[in-house]
Amino acid sequence: MITYRIFYWGLEIGLLEINEQGQHRYTPIPETTQQLSLAPFRVLETGQDWGPPIPLLQNRINNARRFHTEQDITSVTDHFRLLMAEGGADA
């Protein structure tokens, strides 16, 4: 299982878990997501039980893997940060 803490504009907004089958489960932090306007990224507000990869997050992970930077994923083009949780990469 791989686990990422998800940040937007420096605020932690949720937790992404990726299982061995590549399915995603995303759990938002309501106290934080209510402070932000995440309307274009509805799944980041509502969450998702185990299911298909979330394209917004999966694309960032795939790009980071190309450069072996999947432990701490950031981009100059947006304000998202995906930080792999300690012990969150036993897959």
PDB file of N, CA and C in Angstrom:
ATOM      1  N   MET A   1       0.846  -1.178   0.000  1.00  0.00           N
ATOM      2  CA  MET A   1       0.000   0.000   0.000  1.00  0.00           C
ATOM      3  C   MET A   1       0.889   1.239   0.000  1.00  0.00           C
ATOM      4  N   ILE A   2       0.526   2.203  -0.821  1.00  0.00           N
ATOM      5  CA  ILE A   2       1.212   3.489  -0.883  1.00  0.00           C
ATOM      6  C   ILE A   2       0.246   4.539  -0.347  1.00  0.00           C
ATOM      7  N   THR A   3       0.756   5.420   0.486  1.00  0.00           N
ATOM      8  CA  THR A   3      -0.074   6.449   1.097  1.00  0.00           C
ATOM      9  C   THR A   3       0.562   7.819   0.877  1.00  0.00           C
ATOM     10  N   TYR A   4      -0.261   8.765   0.432  1.00  0.00           N
ATOM     11  CA  TYR A   4       0.182  10.145   0.240  1.00  0.00           C
ATOM     12  C   TYR A   4      -0.684  11.082   1.053  1.00  0.00           C
ATOM     13  N   ARG A   5      -0.049  12.036   1.702  1.00  0.00           N
ATOM     14  CA  ARG A   5      -0.750  13.165   2.308  1.00  0.00           C
ATOM     15  C   ARG A   5      -0.856  14.214   1.211  1.00  0.00           C
ATOM     16  N   ILE A   6      -2.050  14.744   0.989  1.00  0.00           N
ATOM     17  CA  ILE A   6      -2.288  15.681  -0.099  1.00  0.00           C
ATOM     18  C   ILE A   6      -2.432  17.094   0.473  1.00  0.00           C
ATOM     19  N   PHE A   7      -1.693  18.020  -0.117  1.00  0.00           N
ATOM     20  CA  PHE A   7      -1.714  19.424   0.301  1.00  0.00           C
ATOM     21  C   PHE A   7      -2.134  20.298  -0.874  1.00  0.00           C
ATOM     22  N   TYR A   8      -2.825  21.396  -0.571  1.00  0.00           N
ATOM     23  CA  TYR A   8      -3.189  22.390  -1.575  1.00  0.00           C
ATOM     24  C   TYR A   8      -2.991  23.751  -0.935  1.00  0.00           C
ATOM     25  N   TRP A   9      -2.205  24.586  -1.592  1.00  0.00           N
ATOM     26  CA  TRP A   9      -1.847  25.888  -1.042  1.00  0.00           C
ATOM     27  C   TRP A   9      -1.248  25.751   0.360  1.00  0.00           C
ATOM     28  N   GLY A  10      -0.498  24.692   0.593  1.00  0.00           N
ATOM     29  CA  GLY A  10       0.169  24.486   1.874  1.00  0.00           C
ATOM     30  C   GLY A  10      -0.687  23.901   2.976  1.00  0.00           C
ATOM     31  N   LEU A  11      -1.978  23.696   2.710  1.00  0.00           N
ATOM     32  CA  LEU A  11      -2.882  23.119   3.705  1.00  0.00           C
ATOM     33  C   LEU A  11      -3.126  21.656   3.385  1.00  0.00           C
ATOM     34  N   GLU A  12      -3.058  20.807   4.401  1.00  0.00           N
ATOM     35  CA  GLU A  12      -3.332  19.386   4.181  1.00  0.00           C
ATOM     36  C   GLU A  12      -4.837  19.205   3.963  1.00  0.00           C
ATOM     37  N   ILE A  13      -5.191  18.632   2.799  1.00  0.00           N
ATOM     38  CA  ILE A  13      -6.608  18.500   2.454  1.00  0.00           C
ATOM     39  C   ILE A  13      -7.105  17.058   2.470  1.00  0.00           C
ATOM     40  N   GLY A  14      -6.193  16.079   2.519  1.00  0.00           N
ATOM     41  CA  GLY A  14      -6.673  14.702   2.530  1.00  0.00           C
ATOM     42  C   GLY A  14      -5.566  13.677   2.472  1.00  0.00           C
ATOM     43  N   LEU A  15      -6.012  12.421   2.411  1.00  0.00           N
ATOM     44  CA  LEU A  15      -5.096  11.278   2.390  1.00  0.00           C
ATOM     45  C   LEU A  15      -5.467  10.381   1.211  1.00  0.00           C
ATOM     46  N   LEU A  16      -4.473  10.076   0.380  1.00  0.00           N
ATOM     47  CA  LEU A  16      -4.661   9.181  -0.753  1.00  0.00           C
ATOM     48  C   LEU A  16      -3.984   7.859  -0.443  1.00  0.00           C
ATOM     49  N   GLU A  17      -4.731   6.768  -0.604  1.00  0.00           N
ATOM     50  CA  GLU A  17      -4.180   5.433  -0.438  1.00  0.00           C
ATOM     51  C   GLU A  17      -4.285   4.716  -1.783  1.00  0.00           C
ATOM     52  N   ILE A  18      -3.228   4.004  -2.139  1.00  0.00           N
ATOM     53  CA  ILE A  18      -3.197   3.243  -3.390  1.00  0.00           C
ATOM     54  C   ILE A  18      -2.883   1.800  -3.021  1.00  0.00           C
ATOM     55  N   ASN A  19      -3.799   0.890  -3.371  1.00  0.00           N
ATOM     56  CA  ASN A  19      -3.582  -0.510  -3.009  1.00  0.00           C
ATOM     57  C   ASN A  19      -2.780  -1.241  -4.086  1.00  0.00           C
ATOM     58  N   GLU A  20      -2.521  -2.515  -3.850  1.00  0.00           N
ATOM     59  CA  GLU A  20      -1.686  -3.322  -4.740  1.00  0.00           C
ATOM     60  C   GLU A  20      -2.308  -3.497  -6.123  1.00  0.00           C
ATOM     61  N   GLN A  21      -3.620  -3.330  -6.243  1.00  0.00           N
ATOM     62  CA  GLN A  21      -4.304  -3.441  -7.533  1.00  0.00           C
ATOM     63  C   GLN A  21      -4.334  -2.102  -8.274  1.00  0.00           C
ATOM     64  N   GLY A  22      -3.763  -1.057  -7.677  1.00  0.00           N
ATOM     65  CA  GLY A  22      -3.736   0.255  -8.305  1.00  0.00           C
ATOM     66  C   GLY A  22      -4.987   1.076  -8.063  1.00  0.00           C
ATOM     67  N   GLN A  23      -5.883   0.597  -7.198  1.00  0.00           N
ATOM     68  CA  GLN A  23      -7.094   1.349  -6.880  1.00  0.00           C
ATOM     69  C   GLN A  23      -6.770   2.475  -5.896  1.00  0.00           C
ATOM     70  N   HIS A  24      -7.544   3.547  -5.994  1.00  0.00           N
ATOM     71  CA  HIS A  24      -7.362   4.695  -5.115  1.00  0.00           C
ATOM     72  C   HIS A  24      -8.505   4.805  -4.117  1.00  0.00           C
ATOM     73  N   ARG A  25      -8.142   5.198  -2.901  1.00  0.00           N
ATOM     74  CA  ARG A  25      -9.128   5.620  -1.906  1.00  0.00           C
ATOM     75  C   ARG A  25      -8.644   6.970  -1.397  1.00  0.00           C
ATOM     76  N   TYR A  26      -9.533   7.945  -1.441  1.00  0.00           N
ATOM     77  CA  TYR A  26      -9.172   9.288  -1.015  1.00  0.00           C
ATOM     78  C   TYR A  26     -10.109   9.730   0.098  1.00  0.00           C
ATOM     79  N   THR A  27      -9.524  10.181   1.196  1.00  0.00           N
ATOM     80  CA  THR A  27     -10.281  10.641   2.351  1.00  0.00           C
ATOM     81  C   THR A  27      -9.956  12.118   2.588  1.00  0.00           C
ATOM     82  N   PRO A  28     -10.923  13.005   2.381  1.00  0.00           N
ATOM     83  CA  PRO A  28     -10.666  14.434   2.595  1.00  0.00           C
ATOM     84  C   PRO A  28     -10.661  14.790   4.075  1.00  0.00           C
ATOM     85  N   ILE A  29     -10.080  15.928   4.372  1.00  0.00           N
ATOM     86  CA  ILE A  29     -10.121  16.505   5.716  1.00  0.00           C
ATOM     87  C   ILE A  29     -11.125  17.655   5.642  1.00  0.00           C
ATOM     88  N   PRO A  30     -12.368  17.424   6.085  1.00  0.00           N
ATOM     89  CA  PRO A  30     -13.433  18.422   5.905  1.00  0.00           C
ATOM     90  C   PRO A  30     -13.105  19.795   6.492  1.00  0.00           C
ATOM     91  N   GLU A  31     -12.424  19.837   7.616  1.00  0.00           N
ATOM     92  CA  GLU A  31     -12.095  21.109   8.252  1.00  0.00           C
ATOM     93  C   GLU A  31     -11.253  21.976   7.321  1.00  0.00           C
ATOM     94  N   THR A  32     -10.418  21.347   6.505  1.00  0.00           N
ATOM     95  CA  THR A  32      -9.552  22.088   5.594  1.00  0.00           C
ATOM     96  C   THR A  32     -10.227  22.343   4.260  1.00  0.00           C
ATOM     97  N   THR A  33     -10.881  21.328   3.698  1.00  0.00           N
ATOM     98  CA  THR A  33     -11.471  21.495   2.372  1.00  0.00           C
ATOM     99  C   THR A  33     -12.578  22.542   2.376  1.00  0.00           C
ATOM    100  N   GLN A  34     -13.235  22.748   3.509  1.00  0.00           N
ATOM    101  CA  GLN A  34     -14.285  23.771   3.589  1.00  0.00           C
ATOM    102  C   GLN A  34     -13.702  25.176   3.481  1.00  0.00           C
ATOM    103  N   GLN A  35     -12.424  25.335   3.794  1.00  0.00           N
ATOM    104  CA  GLN A  35     -11.769  26.638   3.738  1.00  0.00           C
ATOM    105  C   GLN A  35     -11.356  27.007   2.318  1.00  0.00           C
ATOM    106  N   LEU A  36     -11.281  26.019   1.429  1.00  0.00           N
ATOM    107  CA  LEU A  36     -10.751  26.235   0.089  1.00  0.00           C
ATOM    108  C   LEU A  36     -11.834  26.076  -0.961  1.00  0.00           C
ATOM    109  N   SER A  37     -11.581  26.647  -2.110  1.00  0.00           N
ATOM    110  CA  SER A  37     -12.481  26.454  -3.245  1.00  0.00           C
ATOM    111  C   SER A  37     -11.910  25.351  -4.124  1.00  0.00           C
ATOM    112  N   LEU A  38     -12.406  24.138  -3.938  1.00  0.00           N
ATOM    113  CA  LEU A  38     -11.926  22.988  -4.699  1.00  0.00           C
ATOM    114  C   LEU A  38     -12.972  22.514  -5.701  1.00  0.00           C
ATOM    115  N   ALA A  39     -13.918  23.379  -6.058  1.00  0.00           N
ATOM    116  CA  ALA A  39     -15.016  22.978  -6.942  1.00  0.00           C
ATOM    117  C   ALA A  39     -14.542  22.276  -8.219  1.00  0.00           C
ATOM    118  N   PRO A  40     -13.477  22.743  -8.870  1.00  0.00           N
ATOM    119  CA  PRO A  40     -13.046  22.022 -10.081  1.00  0.00           C
ATOM    120  C   PRO A  40     -12.534  20.611  -9.778  1.00  0.00           C
ATOM    121  N   PHE A  41     -12.213  20.356  -8.545  1.00  0.00           N
ATOM    122  CA  PHE A  41     -11.662  19.066  -8.131  1.00  0.00           C
ATOM    123  C   PHE A  41     -12.613  18.436  -7.111  1.00  0.00           C
ATOM    124  N   ARG A  42     -13.841  18.216  -7.498  1.00  0.00           N
ATOM    125  CA  ARG A  42     -14.906  17.776  -6.599  1.00  0.00           C
ATOM    126  C   ARG A  42     -14.514  16.555  -5.768  1.00  0.00           C
ATOM    127  N   VAL A  43     -13.799  15.600  -6.371  1.00  0.00           N
ATOM    128  CA  VAL A  43     -13.430  14.382  -5.639  1.00  0.00           C
ATOM    129  C   VAL A  43     -12.556  14.712  -4.425  1.00  0.00           C
ATOM    130  N   LEU A  44     -11.819  15.823  -4.484  1.00  0.00           N
ATOM    131  CA  LEU A  44     -10.979  16.196  -3.350  1.00  0.00           C
ATOM    132  C   LEU A  44     -11.806  16.753  -2.189  1.00  0.00           C
ATOM    133  N   GLU A  45     -13.023  17.156  -2.457  1.00  0.00           N
ATOM    134  CA  GLU A  45     -13.928  17.616  -1.398  1.00  0.00           C
ATOM    135  C   GLU A  45     -14.770  16.477  -0.847  1.00  0.00           C
ATOM    136  N   THR A  46     -15.213  15.583  -1.738  1.00  0.00           N
ATOM    137  CA  THR A  46     -16.165  14.541  -1.337  1.00  0.00           C
ATOM    138  C   THR A  46     -15.505  13.228  -0.956  1.00  0.00           C
ATOM    139  N   GLY A  47     -14.338  12.945  -1.503  1.00  0.00           N
ATOM    140  CA  GLY A  47     -13.659  11.686  -1.235  1.00  0.00           C
ATOM    141  C   GLY A  47     -14.079  10.594  -2.204  1.00  0.00           C
ATOM    142  N   GLN A  48     -13.403   9.477  -2.110  1.00  0.00           N
ATOM    143  CA  GLN A  48     -13.681   8.320  -2.964  1.00  0.00           C
ATOM    144  C   GLN A  48     -13.289   7.064  -2.216  1.00  0.00           C
ATOM    145  N   ASP A  49     -14.197   6.080  -2.212  1.00  0.00           N
ATOM    146  CA  ASP A  49     -13.854   4.769  -1.668  1.00  0.00           C
ATOM    147  C   ASP A  49     -13.018   4.053  -2.722  1.00  0.00           C
ATOM    148  N   TRP A  50     -12.553   2.853  -2.440  1.00  0.00           N
ATOM    149  CA  TRP A  50     -11.699   2.120  -3.366  1.00  0.00           C
ATOM    150  C   TRP A  50     -12.323   2.093  -4.754  1.00  0.00           C
ATOM    151  N   GLY A  51     -11.560   2.530  -5.734  1.00  0.00           N
ATOM    152  CA  GLY A  51     -12.059   2.555  -7.096  1.00  0.00           C
ATOM    153  C   GLY A  51     -10.943   2.906  -8.058  1.00  0.00           C
ATOM    154  N   PRO A  52     -11.314   3.334  -9.247  1.00  0.00           N
ATOM    155  CA  PRO A  52     -10.303   3.640 -10.263  1.00  0.00           C
ATOM    156  C   PRO A  52      -9.409   4.791  -9.817  1.00  0.00           C
ATOM    157  N   PRO A  53      -8.209   4.870 -10.378  1.00  0.00           N
ATOM    158  CA  PRO A  53      -7.312   5.972 -10.026  1.00  0.00           C
ATOM    159  C   PRO A  53      -7.960   7.330 -10.285  1.00  0.00           C
ATOM    160  N   ILE A  54      -7.630   8.270  -9.452  1.00  0.00           N
ATOM    161  CA  ILE A  54      -8.098   9.643  -9.596  1.00  0.00           C
ATOM    162  C   ILE A  54      -7.130  10.333 -10.560  1.00  0.00           C
ATOM    163  N   PRO A  55      -7.574  10.672 -11.766  1.00  0.00           N
ATOM    164  CA  PRO A  55      -6.656  11.186 -12.788  1.00  0.00           C
ATOM    165  C   PRO A  55      -5.816  12.378 -12.333  1.00  0.00           C
ATOM    166  N   LEU A  56      -6.416  13.319 -11.631  1.00  0.00           N
ATOM    167  CA  LEU A  56      -5.703  14.497 -11.154  1.00  0.00           C
ATOM    168  C   LEU A  56      -4.457  14.113 -10.360  1.00  0.00           C
ATOM    169  N   LEU A  57      -4.584  13.111  -9.508  1.00  0.00           N
ATOM    170  CA  LEU A  57      -3.472  12.690  -8.661  1.00  0.00           C
ATOM    171  C   LEU A  57      -2.586  11.668  -9.358  1.00  0.00           C
ATOM    172  N   GLN A  58      -3.191  10.739 -10.098  1.00  0.00           N
ATOM    173  CA  GLN A  58      -2.417   9.693 -10.770  1.00  0.00           C
ATOM    174  C   GLN A  58      -1.452  10.286 -11.798  1.00  0.00           C
ATOM    175  N   ASN A  59      -1.881  11.314 -12.535  1.00  0.00           N
ATOM    176  CA  ASN A  59      -0.993  11.941 -13.514  1.00  0.00           C
ATOM    177  C   ASN A  59       0.239  12.535 -12.846  1.00  0.00           C
ATOM    178  N   ARG A  60       0.062  13.152 -11.694  1.00  0.00           N
ATOM    179  CA  ARG A  60       1.207  13.727 -10.976  1.00  0.00           C
ATOM    180  C   ARG A  60       2.148  12.626 -10.485  1.00  0.00           C
ATOM    181  N   ILE A  61       1.581  11.533 -10.004  1.00  0.00           N
ATOM    182  CA  ILE A  61       2.407  10.417  -9.532  1.00  0.00           C
ATOM    183  C   ILE A  61       3.183   9.805 -10.695  1.00  0.00           C
ATOM    184  N   ASN A  62       2.515   9.583 -11.819  1.00  0.00           N
ATOM    185  CA  ASN A  62       3.183   9.006 -12.989  1.00  0.00           C
ATOM    186  C   ASN A  62       4.324   9.893 -13.468  1.00  0.00           C
ATOM    187  N   ASN A  63       4.088  11.197 -13.526  1.00  0.00           N
ATOM    188  CA  ASN A  63       5.145  12.117 -13.951  1.00  0.00           C
ATOM    189  C   ASN A  63       6.321  12.094 -12.983  1.00  0.00           C
ATOM    190  N   ALA A  64       6.048  12.048 -11.690  1.00  0.00           N
ATOM    191  CA  ALA A  64       7.121  12.027 -10.692  1.00  0.00           C
ATOM    192  C   ALA A  64       7.941  10.743 -10.777  1.00  0.00           C
ATOM    193  N   ARG A  65       7.292   9.631 -11.071  1.00  0.00           N
ATOM    194  CA  ARG A  65       8.015   8.357 -11.183  1.00  0.00           C
ATOM    195  C   ARG A  65       9.041   8.398 -12.304  1.00  0.00           C
ATOM    196  N   ARG A  66       8.728   9.129 -13.366  1.00  0.00           N
ATOM    197  CA  ARG A  66       9.678   9.240 -14.480  1.00  0.00           C
ATOM    198  C   ARG A  66      10.999   9.846 -14.019  1.00  0.00           C
ATOM    199  N   PHE A  67      10.939  10.701 -13.007  1.00  0.00           N
ATOM    200  CA  PHE A  67      12.137  11.380 -12.510  1.00  0.00           C
ATOM    201  C   PHE A  67      12.548  10.905 -11.122  1.00  0.00           C
ATOM    202  N   HIS A  68      11.929   9.826 -10.655  1.00  0.00           N
ATOM    203  CA  HIS A  68      12.240   9.239  -9.339  1.00  0.00           C
ATOM    204  C   HIS A  68      12.071  10.249  -8.205  1.00  0.00           C
ATOM    205  N   THR A  69      11.000  11.048  -8.301  1.00  0.00           N
ATOM    206  CA  THR A  69      10.715  12.048  -7.260  1.00  0.00           C
ATOM    207  C   THR A  69       9.357  11.803  -6.622  1.00  0.00           C
ATOM    208  N   GLU A  70       8.926  10.529  -6.587  1.00  0.00           N
ATOM    209  CA  GLU A  70       7.585  10.233  -6.092  1.00  0.00           C
ATOM    210  C   GLU A  70       7.441  10.317  -4.573  1.00  0.00           C
ATOM    211  N   GLN A  71       8.505  10.583  -3.851  1.00  0.00           N
ATOM    212  CA  GLN A  71       8.411  10.738  -2.395  1.00  0.00           C
ATOM    213  C   GLN A  71       7.787  12.074  -2.007  1.00  0.00           C
ATOM    214  N   ASP A  72       8.069  13.113  -2.786  1.00  0.00           N
ATOM    215  CA  ASP A  72       7.579  14.463  -2.510  1.00  0.00           C
ATOM    216  C   ASP A  72       7.292  15.122  -3.850  1.00  0.00           C
ATOM    217  N   ILE A  73       6.030  15.149  -4.237  1.00  0.00           N
ATOM    218  CA  ILE A  73       5.640  15.585  -5.568  1.00  0.00           C
ATOM    219  C   ILE A  73       5.099  17.007  -5.514  1.00  0.00           C
ATOM    220  N   THR A  74       5.746  17.898  -6.249  1.00  0.00           N
ATOM    221  CA  THR A  74       5.292  19.276  -6.374  1.00  0.00           C
ATOM    222  C   THR A  74       5.396  19.683  -7.838  1.00  0.00           C
ATOM    223  N   SER A  75       4.795  20.808  -8.156  1.00  0.00           N
ATOM    224  CA  SER A  75       4.842  21.312  -9.520  1.00  0.00           C
ATOM    225  C   SER A  75       4.837  22.827  -9.480  1.00  0.00           C
ATOM    226  N   VAL A  76       5.492  23.434 -10.456  1.00  0.00           N
ATOM    227  CA  VAL A  76       5.484  24.892 -10.535  1.00  0.00           C
ATOM    228  C   VAL A  76       4.205  25.398 -11.201  1.00  0.00           C
ATOM    229  N   THR A  77       3.409  24.491 -11.760  1.00  0.00           N
ATOM    230  CA  THR A  77       2.212  24.906 -12.487  1.00  0.00           C
ATOM    231  C   THR A  77       0.940  24.909 -11.641  1.00  0.00           C
ATOM    232  N   ASP A  78       0.980  24.359 -10.446  1.00  0.00           N
ATOM    233  CA  ASP A  78      -0.197  24.382  -9.572  1.00  0.00           C
ATOM    234  C   ASP A  78       0.246  24.365  -8.117  1.00  0.00           C
ATOM    235  N   HIS A  79      -0.691  24.331  -7.212  1.00  0.00           N
ATOM    236  CA  HIS A  79      -0.381  24.436  -5.788  1.00  0.00           C
ATOM    237  C   HIS A  79      -0.606  23.141  -5.024  1.00  0.00           C
ATOM    238  N   PHE A  80      -0.545  22.029  -5.728  1.00  0.00           N
ATOM    239  CA  PHE A  80      -0.688  20.729  -5.078  1.00  0.00           C
ATOM    240  C   PHE A  80       0.672  20.200  -4.658  1.00  0.00           C
ATOM    241  N   ARG A  81       0.655  19.455  -3.560  1.00  0.00           N
ATOM    242  CA  ARG A  81       1.841  18.726  -3.110  1.00  0.00           C
ATOM    243  C   ARG A  81       1.369  17.367  -2.623  1.00  0.00           C
ATOM    244  N   LEU A  82       2.034  16.318  -3.074  1.00  0.00           N
ATOM    245  CA  LEU A  82       1.744  14.953  -2.631  1.00  0.00           C
ATOM    246  C   LEU A  82       2.980  14.484  -1.885  1.00  0.00           C
ATOM    247  N   LEU A  83       2.824  14.225  -0.615  1.00  0.00           N
ATOM    248  CA  LEU A  83       3.939  13.817   0.236  1.00  0.00           C
ATOM    249  C   LEU A  83       3.716  12.390   0.691  1.00  0.00           C
ATOM    250  N   MET A  84       4.602  11.492   0.269  1.00  0.00           N
ATOM    251  CA  MET A  84       4.452  10.093   0.647  1.00  0.00           C
ATOM    252  C   MET A  84       4.597   9.967   2.159  1.00  0.00           C
ATOM    253  N   ALA A  85       3.637   9.321   2.770  1.00  0.00           N
ATOM    254  CA  ALA A  85       3.642   9.154   4.222  1.00  0.00           C
ATOM    255  C   ALA A  85       4.739   8.176   4.631  1.00  0.00           C
ATOM    256  N   GLU A  86       5.276   8.357   5.815  1.00  0.00           N
ATOM    257  CA  GLU A  86       6.289   7.449   6.344  1.00  0.00           C
ATOM    258  C   GLU A  86       5.775   6.030   6.331  1.00  0.00           C
ATOM    259  N   GLY A  87       6.536   5.130   5.789  1.00  0.00           N
ATOM    260  CA  GLY A  87       6.120   3.732   5.732  1.00  0.00           C
ATOM    261  C   GLY A  87       4.972   3.507   4.768  1.00  0.00           C
ATOM    262  N   GLY A  88       4.705   4.501   3.932  1.00  0.00           N
ATOM    263  CA  GLY A  88       3.564   4.418   3.039  1.00  0.00           C
ATOM    264  C   GLY A  88       3.885   3.864   1.671  1.00  0.00           C
ATOM    265  N   ALA A  89       5.026   3.178   1.520  1.00  0.00           N
ATOM    266  CA  ALA A  89       5.381   2.647   0.204  1.00  0.00           C
ATOM    267  C   ALA A  89       5.927   1.236   0.317  1.00  0.00           C
ATOM    268  N   ASP A  90       5.106   0.333   0.783  1.00  0.00           N
ATOM    269  CA  ASP A  90       5.576  -1.042   0.876  1.00  0.00           C
ATOM    270  C   ASP A  90       5.145  -1.853  -0.345  1.00  0.00           C
ATOM    271  N   ALA A  91       4.655  -1.167  -1.370  1.00  0.00           N
ATOM    272  CA  ALA A  91       4.255  -1.860  -2.613  1.00  0.00           C
ATOM    273  C   ALA A  91       5.404  -1.850  -3.593  1.00  0.00           C
TER     274      ALA A  91
END
